[in-house]
Protein backbone atom coordinates (compact mmCIF):
# COMPACT_ATOMS: atom_id res chain seq x y z
CA MET A 1 -42.82 -54.79 -96.18
CA GLU A 2 -45.00 -57.26 -94.26
CA ILE A 3 -46.11 -54.49 -91.93
CA LEU A 4 -46.90 -52.06 -94.74
CA PHE A 5 -49.14 -54.62 -96.45
CA PHE A 6 -50.65 -55.91 -93.17
CA ILE A 7 -49.23 -59.42 -93.59
CA ASN A 8 -47.41 -59.59 -90.21
CA TRP A 9 -49.98 -61.10 -87.84
CA PHE A 10 -48.18 -59.84 -84.70
CA PHE A 11 -48.55 -56.27 -85.95
CA ASN A 12 -52.15 -56.87 -87.04
CA SER A 13 -53.10 -58.35 -83.67
CA ASN A 14 -51.48 -55.38 -81.95
CA LEU A 15 -53.55 -52.98 -84.04
CA LEU A 16 -56.72 -54.91 -83.26
CA PHE A 17 -55.90 -54.86 -79.54
CA ILE A 18 -55.47 -51.07 -79.60
CA LEU A 19 -58.69 -50.66 -81.58
CA VAL A 20 -60.68 -52.80 -79.12
CA GLU A 21 -59.17 -50.93 -76.18
CA ARG A 22 -60.09 -47.53 -77.64
CA ILE A 23 -63.65 -48.67 -78.42
CA PHE A 24 -64.01 -50.05 -74.88
CA LEU A 25 -62.75 -46.80 -73.34
CA HIS A 26 -65.03 -44.76 -75.58
CA LEU A 27 -68.09 -46.84 -74.69
CA LYS A 28 -67.27 -46.64 -70.98
CA GLU A 29 -66.70 -42.89 -71.39
CA GLN A 30 -63.61 -43.04 -69.24
CA PRO A 31 -61.67 -39.81 -69.59
CA ILE A 32 -57.95 -40.08 -69.99
CA VAL A 33 -56.44 -37.19 -68.06
CA VAL A 34 -52.89 -38.46 -67.60
CA SER A 35 -50.38 -36.62 -69.72
CA PHE A 36 -46.71 -35.72 -69.66
CA GLY A 37 -46.61 -32.35 -71.38
CA HIS A 38 -47.89 -32.91 -74.91
CA PHE A 39 -47.31 -36.66 -74.75
CA THR A 40 -49.94 -39.11 -73.55
CA PRO A 41 -48.82 -42.40 -71.97
CA ASN A 42 -49.80 -44.28 -75.14
CA MET A 43 -47.57 -42.03 -77.26
CA ILE A 44 -44.65 -42.56 -74.88
CA ILE A 45 -45.17 -46.33 -74.96
CA LEU A 46 -45.28 -46.34 -78.75
CA HIS A 47 -42.09 -44.30 -79.14
CA LEU A 48 -40.14 -46.21 -76.50
CA SER A 49 -41.21 -49.58 -77.87
CA ILE A 50 -40.14 -48.60 -81.40
CA ILE A 51 -36.71 -47.57 -80.12
CA ILE A 52 -36.24 -50.64 -77.91
CA GLY A 53 -37.60 -52.95 -80.64
CA GLY A 54 -35.14 -51.45 -83.14
CA ILE A 55 -32.26 -51.95 -80.73
CA LEU A 56 -33.29 -55.56 -80.09
CA MET A 57 -33.63 -56.18 -83.82
CA PHE A 58 -30.20 -54.71 -84.51
CA PHE A 59 -28.32 -56.46 -81.70
CA ILE A 60 -30.16 -59.78 -81.36
CA VAL A 61 -32.19 -60.69 -84.43
CA LYS A 62 -29.65 -59.43 -86.97
CA ASN A 63 -26.74 -61.26 -85.29
CA TYR A 64 -28.46 -64.67 -85.31
CA PRO A 65 -29.89 -65.11 -88.83
CA GLU A 66 -29.90 -68.92 -88.54
CA THR A 67 -32.25 -68.71 -85.53
CA PHE A 68 -34.53 -65.91 -86.69
CA THR A 69 -35.58 -66.94 -90.18
CA LYS A 70 -38.61 -65.91 -92.23
CA ASP A 71 -40.31 -69.18 -91.27
CA ASN A 72 -39.56 -68.65 -87.57
CA LEU A 73 -41.40 -65.61 -86.18
CA TRP A 74 -39.61 -65.42 -82.83
CA GLY A 75 -37.84 -62.29 -84.06
CA ALA A 76 -41.20 -60.53 -84.32
CA VAL A 77 -42.07 -61.72 -80.81
CA ILE A 78 -38.84 -60.29 -79.42
CA ILE A 79 -39.40 -56.99 -81.20
CA THR A 80 -43.03 -56.62 -80.02
CA LEU A 81 -42.33 -57.76 -76.45
CA PRO A 82 -41.19 -54.28 -75.27
CA PHE A 83 -44.52 -52.82 -76.43
CA VAL A 84 -46.56 -55.35 -74.46
CA LEU A 85 -44.44 -55.00 -71.32
CA LEU A 86 -44.41 -51.19 -71.43
CA LYS A 87 -48.16 -51.13 -72.07
CA MET A 88 -48.81 -53.31 -69.03
CA LEU A 89 -46.48 -51.23 -66.85
CA ILE A 90 -47.98 -47.87 -67.84
CA ASP A 91 -51.53 -49.20 -67.49
CA ASN A 92 -50.73 -50.35 -63.95
CA LEU A 93 -49.06 -47.05 -63.06
CA THR A 94 -51.82 -44.84 -64.46
CA ALA A 95 -54.81 -46.93 -63.33
CA PRO A 96 -56.78 -45.46 -60.45
CA ALA A 97 -56.51 -47.31 -57.15
CA LYS A 98 -59.26 -49.88 -56.69
CA LYS A 99 -61.61 -49.15 -53.83
CA LYS A 100 -62.55 -51.96 -51.48
């Protein structure tokens, strides 16, 4: 429910990061031409991170309730970590080579 009511600050910061990135790309007028069929890299990252985050929540966070409490937000960090890592990986793979 924290996510639905925008109380989870990890989720909120993630949304703000995506918003700033999209505004920056729009202002720079950088076309995004990379696509895998109908899926863009951002859509693939989002779907994979949801699946991996759900698996991590089910197998790690759920099995250690004394470690991952409501006061301790490390569970949210573990769940959002796949998104950040996948985002960095895809950005590096799809970025054009820098010219010297």
